[in-house]
């Protein structure tokens, strides 16, 4: 069953800081655009992802505004992004898209999150006790695999897209498959053999196909 996305609360602005080193901050309970009828979010993204969000001559930013019926304000120097609009569901999807771009996905891949059956999962490697550079590098190398094989197999067996950026590994995929990709990554992080993880993914895919045929 697809996981339902929660709706943002009305007239509340939230800030989510996606940079690895800092914690999210809560902003004042008001709309920065001055309209009590609008929802708004404020986020801070890494400086090197600002250009990816804006796009050439602002093309990607404009397309995101059009498809979400929202406005996007970007501070190119600080990486502060503010979004506002009257459609709470579309605005939440836009927030997820910006988070995905901030975690290394291209805008085209991130826009899959406009589909109701797609979701974003972000794995913070610090949550697994990977607190130094050498440990992080080893784990990321395991998830990528030799010549990118591990990442490619996970993507092929789940239909999800993976992105490894900084201290995070992120997933965009259908709500029925993204959790399997996340579990596979967690197994690799914890030291499971690649062959064991591949077999588990193949078993999950066969199970999903059987259940699909039953309905």
Protein backbone atom coordinates (compact mmCIF):
# COMPACT_ATOMS: atom_id res chain seq x y z
CA UNK A 1 0.00 0.00 0.00
CA UNK A 2 1.39 3.41 -1.00
CA UNK A 3 2.32 5.62 1.89
CA UNK A 4 0.25 8.77 2.11
CA UNK A 5 2.15 12.03 2.11
CA UNK A 6 1.38 14.28 5.02
CA UNK A 7 0.05 17.75 4.31
CA UNK A 8 1.73 20.84 5.69
CA UNK A 9 -0.20 22.69 8.36
CA UNK A 10 -1.98 25.85 7.24
CA UNK A 11 -0.33 29.24 7.71
CA UNK A 12 2.84 27.65 9.08
CA UNK A 13 6.30 28.17 7.67
CA UNK A 14 8.87 25.45 8.23
CA UNK A 15 12.58 25.51 7.52
CA UNK A 16 14.46 22.37 6.61
CA UNK A 17 18.22 22.63 6.36
CA UNK A 18 19.60 19.91 4.10
CA UNK A 19 23.24 20.75 4.63
CA UNK A 20 24.99 17.92 6.46
CA UNK A 21 26.52 19.89 9.30
CA UNK A 22 23.56 21.94 10.57
CA UNK A 23 20.22 21.17 12.16
CA UNK A 24 16.82 22.39 10.89
CA UNK A 25 15.47 25.59 12.38
CA UNK A 26 11.84 26.59 13.00
CA UNK A 27 10.80 29.96 11.57
CA UNK A 28 8.10 32.35 12.77
CA UNK A 29 4.51 31.24 12.32
CA UNK A 30 3.65 33.56 9.44
CA UNK A 31 3.70 33.69 5.64
CA UNK A 32 6.61 35.64 4.22
CA UNK A 33 4.51 36.54 1.21
CA UNK A 34 1.98 38.28 3.41
CA UNK A 35 -1.03 36.18 2.48
CA UNK A 36 -2.81 34.30 5.24
CA UNK A 37 -4.28 31.96 2.62
CA UNK A 38 -0.92 30.59 1.50
CA UNK A 39 1.23 27.75 2.71
CA UNK A 40 4.97 28.30 2.77
CA UNK A 41 8.20 26.48 3.49
CA UNK A 42 11.76 27.71 3.88
CA UNK A 43 14.75 25.46 3.23
CA UNK A 44 18.49 25.85 3.00
CA UNK A 45 20.29 23.84 0.33
CA UNK A 46 24.03 23.35 -0.34
CA UNK A 47 25.53 26.18 -2.36
CA UNK A 48 26.71 23.87 -5.10
CA UNK A 49 23.12 22.73 -5.76
CA UNK A 50 21.63 26.19 -6.27
CA UNK A 51 22.52 26.23 -9.98
CA UNK A 52 20.87 22.83 -10.46
CA UNK A 53 17.65 24.14 -8.91
CA UNK A 54 17.58 27.32 -10.99
CA UNK A 55 18.75 25.81 -14.28
CA UNK A 56 20.05 27.54 -17.39
CA UNK A 57 18.50 31.02 -17.59
CA UNK A 58 16.13 30.01 -14.76
CA UNK A 59 14.43 27.34 -16.87
CA UNK A 60 14.17 24.61 -14.22
CA UNK A 61 12.98 27.00 -11.52
CA UNK A 62 10.29 28.33 -13.87
CA UNK A 63 9.13 24.83 -14.81
CA UNK A 64 8.87 23.84 -11.16
CA UNK A 65 6.83 26.94 -10.41
CA UNK A 66 4.46 26.17 -13.27
CA UNK A 67 3.91 22.52 -12.44
CA UNK A 68 3.38 23.20 -8.73
CA UNK A 69 1.40 26.44 -9.02
CA UNK A 70 3.80 27.97 -6.52
CA UNK A 71 6.47 30.66 -6.27
CA UNK A 72 10.12 29.93 -5.56
CA UNK A 73 12.52 32.51 -4.12
CA UNK A 74 16.22 31.60 -4.09
CA UNK A 75 19.10 33.37 -2.36
CA UNK A 76 22.00 32.22 -4.55
CA UNK A 77 24.63 33.33 -2.03
CA UNK A 78 23.22 31.70 1.12
CA UNK A 79 21.34 28.78 -0.44
CA UNK A 80 18.07 29.86 1.20
CA UNK A 81 14.98 28.76 -0.70
CA UNK A 82 11.43 29.86 0.08
CA UNK A 83 8.37 28.36 -1.61
CA UNK A 84 4.76 29.49 -1.26
CA UNK A 85 1.45 28.61 -2.84
CA UNK A 86 -2.21 27.91 -2.15
CA UNK A 87 -2.24 24.21 -3.08
CA UNK A 88 -0.93 22.39 -0.01
CA UNK A 89 -0.44 19.05 -1.74
CA UNK A 90 1.47 20.49 -4.70
CA UNK A 91 3.55 22.63 -2.36
CA UNK A 92 4.51 19.59 -0.30
CA UNK A 93 5.55 17.80 -3.51
CA UNK A 94 7.61 20.84 -4.52
CA UNK A 95 9.34 20.79 -1.15
CA UNK A 96 10.25 17.13 -1.69
CA UNK A 97 11.54 17.93 -5.19
CA UNK A 98 13.80 20.68 -3.86
CA UNK A 99 15.10 18.36 -1.14
CA UNK A 100 15.86 15.78 -3.82
CA UNK A 101 17.72 18.31 -5.97
CA UNK A 102 19.64 19.39 -2.88
CA UNK A 103 20.68 15.77 -2.34
CA UNK A 104 22.14 15.50 -5.86
CA UNK A 105 19.27 14.46 -8.13
CA UNK A 106 18.70 16.22 -11.43
CA UNK A 107 15.50 18.30 -11.66
CA UNK A 108 14.07 15.87 -14.25
CA UNK A 109 14.47 12.89 -11.91
CA UNK A 110 13.28 14.90 -8.91
CA UNK A 111 10.08 15.85 -10.77
CA UNK A 112 8.97 12.21 -10.58
CA UNK A 113 7.89 13.18 -7.06
CA UNK A 114 4.96 15.06 -8.60
CA UNK A 115 3.42 11.64 -9.17
CA UNK A 116 1.33 10.55 -6.18
CA UNK A 117 2.83 7.05 -6.13
CA UNK A 118 6.46 8.23 -5.88
CA UNK A 119 8.40 9.04 -2.73
CA UNK A 120 11.77 10.36 -1.54
CA UNK A 121 13.88 8.51 1.04
CA UNK A 122 17.03 10.13 2.47
CA UNK A 123 19.47 7.96 4.41
CA UNK A 124 21.78 10.00 6.63
CA UNK A 125 24.96 7.96 7.06
CA UNK A 126 25.70 9.71 10.36
CA UNK A 127 22.72 7.86 11.83
CA UNK A 128 24.64 4.60 11.31
CA UNK A 129 27.66 5.67 13.32
CA UNK A 130 29.72 6.63 10.28
CA UNK A 131 31.37 9.58 11.93
CA UNK A 132 34.66 9.86 10.08
CA UNK A 133 35.76 10.32 6.50
CA UNK A 134 37.34 6.89 6.03
CA UNK A 135 34.23 5.03 7.23
CA UNK A 136 32.03 7.15 5.01
CA UNK A 137 34.19 6.50 1.97
CA UNK A 138 34.20 2.73 2.55
CA UNK A 139 30.44 2.53 2.95
CA UNK A 140 29.72 4.73 -0.06
CA UNK A 141 32.11 2.58 -2.11
CA UNK A 142 30.18 -0.54 -1.04
CA UNK A 143 26.85 0.98 -2.11
CA UNK A 144 28.28 2.10 -5.45
CA UNK A 145 30.14 -1.16 -6.04
CA UNK A 146 32.92 -1.94 -8.50
CA UNK A 147 32.26 0.01 -11.66
CA UNK A 148 28.93 1.15 -10.19
CA UNK A 149 27.54 -2.41 -10.21
CA UNK A 150 25.87 -2.39 -6.78
CA UNK A 151 24.02 0.85 -7.39
CA UNK A 152 23.01 -0.33 -10.88
CA UNK A 153 21.66 -3.67 -9.62
CA UNK A 154 19.64 -2.00 -6.86
CA UNK A 155 18.16 0.44 -9.37
CA UNK A 156 17.34 -2.33 -11.86
CA UNK A 157 15.72 -4.64 -9.31
CA UNK A 158 13.64 -1.91 -7.65
CA UNK A 159 13.03 0.60 -10.44
CA UNK A 160 14.26 3.32 -8.08
CA UNK A 161 16.94 5.98 -8.65
CA UNK A 162 19.81 6.40 -6.20
CA UNK A 163 22.00 9.41 -5.52
CA UNK A 164 25.02 9.48 -3.23
CA UNK A 165 25.88 12.98 -2.07
CA UNK A 166 27.92 14.13 0.91
CA UNK A 167 26.86 12.13 3.96
CA UNK A 168 23.57 10.96 2.48
CA UNK A 169 22.25 8.30 0.15
CA UNK A 170 18.88 9.22 -1.34
CA UNK A 171 16.24 7.24 -3.19
CA UNK A 172 13.42 8.26 -5.51
CA UNK A 173 11.03 5.52 -6.47
CA UNK A 174 7.52 4.15 -6.34
CA UNK A 175 6.13 3.81 -2.84
CA UNK A 176 5.99 0.04 -3.23
CA UNK A 177 9.64 -0.28 -4.29
CA UNK A 178 11.61 2.55 -2.63
CA UNK A 179 11.47 0.79 0.80
CA UNK A 180 13.14 -2.27 -0.76
CA UNK A 181 15.92 -0.08 -2.16
CA UNK A 182 16.35 1.51 1.26
CA UNK A 183 16.52 -1.89 2.96
CA UNK A 184 19.11 -3.11 0.46
CA UNK A 185 21.29 -0.06 1.14
CA UNK A 186 20.94 -0.53 4.89
CA UNK A 187 22.06 -4.15 4.55
CA UNK A 188 25.15 -3.07 2.63
CA UNK A 189 25.88 -0.38 5.21
CA UNK A 190 25.74 -3.01 7.95
CA UNK A 191 28.16 -5.30 6.10
CA UNK A 192 25.97 -7.82 4.26
CA UNK A 193 27.52 -9.45 1.21
CA UNK A 194 26.50 -8.00 -2.14
CA UNK A 195 25.33 -11.41 -3.38
CA UNK A 196 23.05 -11.79 -0.33
CA UNK A 197 21.52 -8.36 -0.93
CA UNK A 198 20.99 -9.06 -4.65
CA UNK A 199 19.25 -12.34 -3.86
CA UNK A 200 16.99 -10.64 -1.32
CA UNK A 201 16.02 -8.02 -3.91
CA UNK A 202 15.30 -10.69 -6.52
CA UNK A 203 13.09 -12.53 -4.03
CA UNK A 204 11.20 -9.30 -3.27
CA UNK A 205 10.66 -8.64 -6.96
CA UNK A 206 9.34 -12.17 -7.57
CA UNK A 207 7.04 -11.80 -4.57
CA UNK A 208 5.69 -8.48 -5.88
CA UNK A 209 5.05 -10.00 -9.29
CA UNK A 210 3.16 -12.95 -7.79
CA UNK A 211 1.02 -10.63 -5.69
CA UNK A 212 0.37 -8.47 -8.75
CA UNK A 213 -0.81 -11.48 -10.75
CA UNK A 214 -3.18 -12.48 -7.94
CA UNK A 215 -5.01 -9.16 -8.31
